[in-house]
N, C-alpha and C. Protein backbone atom coordinates (compact mmCIF):
# COMPACT_ATOMS: atom_id res chain seq x y z
N MET A 1 -14.84 -13.42 -3.37
CA MET A 1 -13.49 -14.27 -3.95
C MET A 1 -13.49 -15.44 -3.01
N TYR A 2 -14.05 -15.57 -1.57
CA TYR A 2 -13.89 -16.85 -1.12
C TYR A 2 -14.97 -17.56 -1.62
N THR A 3 -16.46 -17.49 -2.25
CA THR A 3 -16.69 -18.55 -2.51
C THR A 3 -16.71 -19.30 -3.74
N LYS A 4 -16.02 -18.59 -4.63
CA LYS A 4 -15.65 -18.89 -6.15
C LYS A 4 -13.78 -19.02 -6.26
N GLU A 5 -12.93 -19.16 -5.44
CA GLU A 5 -11.78 -19.57 -5.31
C GLU A 5 -11.67 -20.00 -3.83
N GLU A 6 -10.73 -21.07 -4.39
CA GLU A 6 -10.46 -22.30 -3.61
C GLU A 6 -8.88 -21.87 -3.12
N ARG A 7 -8.07 -20.55 -3.78
CA ARG A 7 -6.59 -21.03 -3.34
C ARG A 7 -6.47 -19.17 -3.70
N LEU A 8 -5.25 -18.49 -2.93
CA LEU A 8 -4.83 -17.11 -3.68
C LEU A 8 -3.65 -17.60 -2.67
N ASP A 9 -2.47 -17.70 -3.98
CA ASP A 9 -1.37 -17.79 -3.79
C ASP A 9 -0.27 -16.84 -3.78
N VAL A 10 -0.55 -15.88 -4.74
CA VAL A 10 -0.02 -14.71 -4.97
C VAL A 10 -0.94 -13.58 -4.59
N LEU A 11 -0.56 -12.21 -3.77
CA LEU A 11 -1.18 -11.19 -4.36
C LEU A 11 -0.51 -10.09 -4.18
N ILE A 12 -0.44 -8.96 -5.39
CA ILE A 12 0.56 -8.61 -5.76
C ILE A 12 -0.12 -6.64 -5.74
N HIS A 13 0.03 -5.71 -5.08
CA HIS A 13 -0.14 -4.54 -4.95
C HIS A 13 0.65 -3.49 -5.31
N ASN A 14 0.08 -2.95 -6.68
CA ASN A 14 1.16 -2.20 -7.90
C ASN A 14 0.58 -0.96 -8.38
N ALA A 15 -1.02 -0.63 -7.38
CA ALA A 15 -1.38 0.51 -8.09
C ALA A 15 -0.81 1.51 -7.54
N GLY A 16 -0.94 3.26 -8.00
CA GLY A 16 -0.34 4.00 -6.69
C GLY A 16 -1.15 5.53 -7.89
N VAL A 17 -1.01 6.06 -7.46
CA VAL A 17 -1.07 7.52 -8.18
C VAL A 17 -0.33 8.70 -7.58
N THR A 18 -0.31 10.15 -7.95
CA THR A 18 0.72 10.91 -7.69
C THR A 18 -0.26 12.33 -8.29
N PRO A 19 -1.57 13.09 -7.53
CA PRO A 19 -2.30 13.56 -8.37
C PRO A 19 -1.33 14.98 -8.46
N LYS A 20 -1.91 15.91 -8.75
CA LYS A 20 -1.54 17.81 -9.02
C LYS A 20 -1.44 18.06 -7.23
N PRO A 21 -0.76 18.80 -7.35
CA PRO A 21 -0.81 19.72 -6.03
C PRO A 21 -2.39 20.12 -5.98
N GLY A 22 -3.20 20.35 -4.58
CA GLY A 22 -4.62 20.57 -3.69
C GLY A 22 -4.44 19.05 -2.89
N LEU A 23 -6.05 19.53 -2.19
CA LEU A 23 -6.22 18.45 -1.79
C LEU A 23 -7.21 17.50 -2.62
N HIS A 24 -7.54 16.32 -2.70
CA HIS A 24 -7.69 15.35 -3.81
C HIS A 24 -8.74 14.33 -2.92
N LEU A 25 -10.26 14.25 -2.74
CA LEU A 25 -10.20 13.36 -1.83
C LEU A 25 -11.06 11.93 -2.20
N THR A 26 -11.21 10.95 -1.95
CA THR A 26 -12.02 9.95 -2.75
C THR A 26 -13.38 9.75 -2.01
N ALA A 27 -14.71 9.33 -2.74
CA ALA A 27 -16.08 9.20 -2.14
C ALA A 27 -16.00 9.47 -0.88
N GLU A 28 -15.23 8.63 0.21
CA GLU A 28 -15.08 8.18 1.37
C GLU A 28 -14.34 9.26 2.11
N ASN A 29 -14.17 10.23 1.68
CA ASN A 29 -13.87 11.66 2.73
C ASN A 29 -12.08 11.09 2.83
N LEU A 30 -10.93 10.49 1.74
CA LEU A 30 -10.03 9.79 1.93
C LEU A 30 -9.15 10.66 1.14
N GLU A 31 -7.94 10.84 1.61
CA GLU A 31 -7.04 11.86 0.65
C GLU A 31 -6.66 10.48 -0.71
N LEU A 32 -6.79 11.16 -1.73
CA LEU A 32 -6.65 10.72 -3.35
C LEU A 32 -5.53 9.08 -2.53
N GLN A 33 -4.12 9.92 -2.70
CA GLN A 33 -3.13 9.29 -2.61
C GLN A 33 -2.95 8.06 -1.50
N PHE A 34 -3.39 8.34 -0.22
CA PHE A 34 -3.37 7.48 0.78
C PHE A 34 -4.57 6.32 0.60
N ALA A 35 -5.60 6.79 -0.12
CA ALA A 35 -6.70 5.64 -0.43
C ALA A 35 -6.21 4.91 -1.36
N THR A 36 -5.18 4.94 -2.56
CA THR A 36 -5.28 4.53 -3.59
C THR A 36 -3.88 3.74 -3.28
N ASN A 37 -2.68 4.11 -2.79
CA ASN A 37 -1.08 3.98 -2.33
C ASN A 37 -1.45 2.91 -1.26
N HIS A 38 -2.09 2.75 -0.40
CA HIS A 38 -2.06 2.64 1.25
C HIS A 38 -3.28 2.11 1.20
N PHE A 39 -4.43 2.63 1.63
CA PHE A 39 -5.42 2.02 2.42
C PHE A 39 -6.15 0.68 1.34
N GLY A 40 -6.50 1.23 0.68
CA GLY A 40 -6.91 -0.04 -0.72
C GLY A 40 -5.54 -1.54 -0.54
N PRO A 41 -4.23 -1.35 -0.66
CA PRO A 41 -3.74 -2.26 -0.24
C PRO A 41 -4.28 -3.34 1.06
N PHE A 42 -3.75 -1.98 2.01
CA PHE A 42 -3.89 -2.80 3.57
C PHE A 42 -5.55 -3.27 4.23
N LEU A 43 -6.63 -2.77 3.02
CA LEU A 43 -8.01 -3.42 3.85
C LEU A 43 -8.02 -4.92 2.33
N LEU A 44 -7.30 -4.56 1.12
CA LEU A 44 -8.00 -6.13 0.12
C LEU A 44 -6.71 -7.06 0.81
N THR A 45 -5.79 -6.72 1.58
CA THR A 45 -4.98 -7.87 1.95
C THR A 45 -5.64 -8.27 3.53
N HIS A 46 -6.11 -7.54 4.39
CA HIS A 46 -6.64 -8.18 5.53
C HIS A 46 -8.01 -8.68 4.79
N LEU A 47 -8.69 -8.46 3.64
CA LEU A 47 -10.15 -9.46 3.54
C LEU A 47 -9.67 -10.35 2.98
N LEU A 48 -8.85 -10.90 2.35
CA LEU A 48 -7.99 -11.53 1.96
C LEU A 48 -6.86 -13.18 1.88
N ILE A 49 -6.95 -12.22 3.65
CA ILE A 49 -5.86 -13.00 4.31
C ILE A 49 -5.96 -14.44 4.75
N HIS A 50 -7.08 -14.29 5.36
CA HIS A 50 -7.47 -16.11 5.55
C HIS A 50 -7.77 -17.04 4.10
N LEU A 51 -8.05 -16.35 3.24
CA LEU A 51 -7.95 -17.13 2.27
C LEU A 51 -6.32 -17.53 1.50
N MET A 52 -5.47 -16.64 2.11
CA MET A 52 -4.01 -17.15 1.76
C MET A 52 -3.36 -17.64 2.88
N LYS A 53 -3.37 -17.86 3.96
CA LYS A 53 -3.73 -18.51 5.17
C LYS A 53 -3.60 -20.11 4.44
N ARG A 54 -5.16 -20.18 3.70
CA ARG A 54 -5.54 -21.61 3.42
C ARG A 54 -4.51 -22.02 2.63
N SER A 55 -4.44 -21.57 1.62
CA SER A 55 -3.61 -21.59 0.40
C SER A 55 -1.82 -21.18 0.56
N ALA A 56 -1.78 -21.48 1.93
CA ALA A 56 0.03 -21.52 2.46
C ALA A 56 0.74 -22.98 1.92
N PRO A 57 2.38 -22.51 1.13
CA PRO A 57 2.39 -21.53 1.40
C PRO A 57 2.00 -20.14 0.15
N SER A 58 1.66 -19.46 0.45
CA SER A 58 1.49 -18.06 -0.22
C SER A 58 2.11 -16.72 0.10
N ARG A 59 2.12 -15.61 -0.65
CA ARG A 59 2.68 -14.52 -0.73
C ARG A 59 1.82 -13.23 -0.72
N VAL A 60 2.32 -12.14 -0.40
CA VAL A 60 2.01 -10.99 0.02
C VAL A 60 3.27 -9.96 -0.27
N ILE A 61 2.87 -8.96 -2.37
CA ILE A 61 4.04 -8.24 -2.40
C ILE A 61 3.52 -7.15 -2.60
N VAL A 62 3.90 -5.93 -1.84
CA VAL A 62 3.53 -4.83 -2.37
C VAL A 62 4.68 -3.79 -2.89
N VAL A 63 4.61 -3.28 -4.06
CA VAL A 63 4.89 -2.65 -5.09
C VAL A 63 5.49 -1.18 -4.18
N SER A 64 6.83 -0.96 -3.66
CA SER A 64 6.58 0.31 -3.03
C SER A 64 7.74 0.92 -3.77
N SER A 65 8.50 1.95 -2.59
CA SER A 65 9.25 2.83 -3.70
C SER A 65 10.67 3.46 -2.25
N CYS A 66 11.91 3.53 -3.04
CA CYS A 66 12.62 4.26 -1.95
C CYS A 66 12.85 5.51 -1.21
N THR A 67 11.59 6.15 -1.76
CA THR A 67 10.78 7.38 -1.72
C THR A 67 10.73 7.42 -0.42
N HIS A 68 10.04 6.30 0.42
CA HIS A 68 9.88 6.36 1.53
C HIS A 68 11.07 6.79 2.79
N LEU A 69 12.42 6.44 2.52
CA LEU A 69 13.37 6.71 2.82
C LEU A 69 13.28 8.30 3.51
N TRP A 70 12.34 9.30 2.48
CA TRP A 70 12.38 10.58 2.49
C TRP A 70 10.94 10.99 3.01
N ALA A 71 10.98 10.22 4.18
CA ALA A 71 9.45 10.46 4.67
C ALA A 71 9.34 10.58 6.06
N THR A 72 8.13 11.11 6.38
CA THR A 72 7.10 10.92 7.81
C THR A 72 6.19 11.11 7.44
N LEU A 73 5.67 9.78 8.92
CA LEU A 73 4.28 9.80 8.80
C LEU A 73 3.87 10.77 9.98
N ASP A 74 2.63 11.30 9.20
CA ASP A 74 1.90 12.22 10.50
C ASP A 74 0.73 11.85 10.95
N LEU A 75 0.60 10.96 12.21
CA LEU A 75 -0.63 9.91 11.93
C LEU A 75 -1.89 11.15 12.46
N ASP A 76 -1.37 12.08 12.65
CA ASP A 76 -2.52 13.09 13.14
C ASP A 76 -3.06 13.94 12.10
N ASN A 77 -2.63 13.25 10.90
CA ASN A 77 -2.65 13.92 9.62
C ASN A 77 -2.51 13.38 8.41
N LEU A 78 -3.46 12.27 8.58
CA LEU A 78 -3.86 11.06 7.41
C LEU A 78 -4.29 11.85 5.79
N ASN A 79 -5.13 13.28 6.27
CA ASN A 79 -5.47 13.24 4.78
C ASN A 79 -4.57 14.33 4.80
N CYS A 80 -3.77 14.74 5.02
CA CYS A 80 -2.52 15.08 4.37
C CYS A 80 -3.02 17.31 4.13
N GLU A 81 -3.64 17.26 4.61
CA GLU A 81 -3.90 18.64 4.60
C GLU A 81 -3.40 19.62 4.97
N LYS A 82 -1.90 19.18 5.48
CA LYS A 82 -0.76 20.44 5.65
C LYS A 82 -0.04 20.05 4.61
N TYR A 83 0.00 19.63 3.62
CA TYR A 83 0.85 19.51 1.94
C TYR A 83 0.15 18.96 1.66
N VAL A 84 -1.21 20.14 1.23
CA VAL A 84 -1.84 19.64 -0.45
C VAL A 84 -0.77 20.16 -1.09
N ARG A 85 0.09 21.32 -1.38
CA ARG A 85 0.61 21.63 -2.01
C ARG A 85 1.92 20.74 -2.63
N ASP A 86 2.51 19.55 -2.07
CA ASP A 86 3.43 18.97 -2.08
C ASP A 86 3.09 17.32 -2.39
N PRO A 87 2.47 16.92 -3.49
CA PRO A 87 1.64 15.50 -3.62
C PRO A 87 3.69 14.49 -3.67
N TYR A 88 4.37 15.21 -3.52
CA TYR A 88 5.22 14.38 -3.69
C TYR A 88 5.81 13.47 -2.43
N TRP A 89 4.88 14.85 -1.43
CA TRP A 89 5.74 14.24 0.43
C TRP A 89 4.40 13.29 0.20
N ILE A 90 3.56 13.62 -0.04
CA ILE A 90 2.42 12.96 0.21
C ILE A 90 2.88 11.40 -0.27
N TYR A 91 2.93 11.63 -1.75
CA TYR A 91 3.48 10.17 -2.06
C TYR A 91 4.43 9.19 -1.54
N CYS A 92 5.59 10.03 -0.71
CA CYS A 92 6.62 9.61 -0.21
C CYS A 92 5.97 9.18 0.77
N SER A 93 5.29 9.10 1.91
CA SER A 93 4.30 8.86 2.76
C SER A 93 3.65 7.67 3.16
N THR A 94 3.09 7.73 1.43
CA THR A 94 2.09 6.73 1.31
C THR A 94 3.05 5.04 1.35
N LYS A 95 4.02 5.63 0.74
CA LYS A 95 5.34 4.36 0.59
C LYS A 95 5.94 3.75 1.70
N LEU A 96 6.37 4.95 2.73
CA LEU A 96 6.42 4.54 4.45
C LEU A 96 5.80 3.77 4.73
N ALA A 97 4.24 4.29 4.66
CA ALA A 97 2.81 2.86 5.02
C ALA A 97 3.22 1.76 4.76
N ASN A 98 3.32 1.61 3.68
CA ASN A 98 3.58 0.63 2.97
C ASN A 98 4.19 -0.20 3.81
N ILE A 99 5.65 0.37 4.07
CA ILE A 99 6.92 -0.48 4.47
C ILE A 99 6.23 -0.88 5.75
N LEU A 100 5.72 0.34 6.29
CA LEU A 100 5.39 -0.36 8.01
C LEU A 100 4.39 -1.13 7.82
N PHE A 101 3.39 -1.15 7.05
CA PHE A 101 2.62 -1.92 6.76
C PHE A 101 3.11 -3.20 6.70
N VAL A 102 4.05 -3.73 5.74
CA VAL A 102 5.06 -4.63 5.26
C VAL A 102 5.63 -5.22 6.94
N HIS A 103 6.55 -4.54 7.30
CA HIS A 103 6.70 -5.14 8.28
C HIS A 103 6.12 -5.44 9.73
N GLU A 104 5.39 -5.32 9.65
CA GLU A 104 4.43 -5.32 10.85
C GLU A 104 3.68 -6.89 10.22
N LEU A 105 2.95 -6.61 9.43
CA LEU A 105 2.38 -7.55 8.96
C LEU A 105 3.34 -9.65 9.14
N SER A 106 4.63 -8.82 8.11
CA SER A 106 5.38 -10.19 8.00
C SER A 106 5.63 -10.91 9.66
N LYS A 107 5.57 -9.55 10.82
CA LYS A 107 5.86 -10.37 11.81
C LYS A 107 4.79 -10.86 12.49
N ARG A 108 3.30 -10.51 11.96
CA ARG A 108 1.98 -11.15 12.32
C ARG A 108 2.01 -12.23 11.81
N LEU A 109 2.44 -12.79 10.60
CA LEU A 109 2.27 -13.92 9.84
C LEU A 109 3.16 -15.19 10.45
N ILE A 110 4.32 -15.05 10.84
CA ILE A 110 5.46 -15.32 11.08
C ILE A 110 4.43 -16.78 11.50
N GLY A 111 5.18 -18.18 11.09
CA GLY A 111 4.33 -19.78 10.79
C GLY A 111 3.41 -19.69 10.65
N THR A 112 2.62 -18.74 9.93
CA THR A 112 1.36 -18.81 9.08
C THR A 112 1.61 -19.68 7.35
N GLY A 113 2.64 -19.87 7.25
CA GLY A 113 3.25 -19.96 5.57
C GLY A 113 2.62 -18.60 4.72
N VAL A 114 2.73 -17.67 5.33
CA VAL A 114 2.09 -16.74 4.03
C VAL A 114 3.55 -15.38 4.33
N THR A 115 4.21 -15.45 3.59
CA THR A 115 4.90 -14.38 3.15
C THR A 115 4.98 -12.68 2.67
N VAL A 116 5.47 -11.93 3.74
CA VAL A 116 4.94 -10.63 2.88
C VAL A 116 6.11 -9.59 2.97
N ASN A 117 6.16 -9.13 1.51
CA ASN A 117 7.81 -8.74 0.78
C ASN A 117 7.22 -7.31 0.66
N ALA A 118 8.22 -6.15 0.71
CA ALA A 118 8.44 -5.06 0.06
C ALA A 118 9.14 -4.86 -1.17
N LEU A 119 9.26 -4.27 -2.64
CA LEU A 119 9.93 -3.88 -3.39
C LEU A 119 10.37 -2.77 -3.61
N HIS A 120 11.06 -2.23 -4.38
CA HIS A 120 11.46 -1.19 -5.03
C HIS A 120 12.03 -1.01 -6.42
N PRO A 121 11.03 -0.76 -7.67
CA PRO A 121 11.41 -1.74 -8.64
C PRO A 121 12.15 -0.99 -9.46
N GLY A 122 12.89 -0.01 -8.72
CA GLY A 122 14.02 0.92 -9.56
C GLY A 122 13.06 2.03 -10.18
N GLY A 123 13.67 3.21 -10.94
CA GLY A 123 13.62 4.15 -11.57
C GLY A 123 13.23 3.61 -12.94
N VAL A 124 11.45 3.71 -13.16
CA VAL A 124 10.92 3.69 -13.99
C VAL A 124 10.42 4.81 -14.81
N ARG A 125 10.08 5.18 -16.08
CA ARG A 125 9.47 5.84 -15.64
C ARG A 125 8.17 5.99 -16.48
N THR A 126 6.93 6.59 -15.88
CA THR A 126 5.92 6.26 -16.13
C THR A 126 5.40 7.36 -16.39
N SER A 127 3.90 7.85 -15.83
CA SER A 127 3.02 8.70 -16.11
C SER A 127 2.55 8.83 -14.89
N ILE A 128 3.00 8.67 -13.90
CA ILE A 128 1.78 8.56 -12.72
C ILE A 128 2.10 10.17 -12.24
N ALA A 129 3.04 10.51 -12.40
CA ALA A 129 2.66 12.13 -12.04
C ALA A 129 2.06 13.17 -12.69
N ARG A 130 1.67 12.59 -13.91
CA ARG A 130 1.25 13.26 -15.24
C ARG A 130 -0.11 13.90 -14.90
């Protein structure tokens, strides 16, 4: 991206998954929901943030969910072995991780011209939990 693009004005993180109960791991041995819903956007943002600073004013938008209100973040159990029977709990935790990430990143980027926001799009009927 750095070699091909001079600007990145907006980065929107909208991907998400909610698998069926059970422990689902990526090839990197990360819990699938955390990898997709949080670690992926976290890493991509950090890989592109210098380009976004050069492109300021620019914006990072993370599509999250109000379900973060029902979550706790167990930092000693990010692979969610304790919660494999409840993929919804894991989903809520990934959305809380999104909100905490946005809150901290927005503070760190004050004065850079990069705005960071999270949003809850409202209830939308999708096949995410199928």
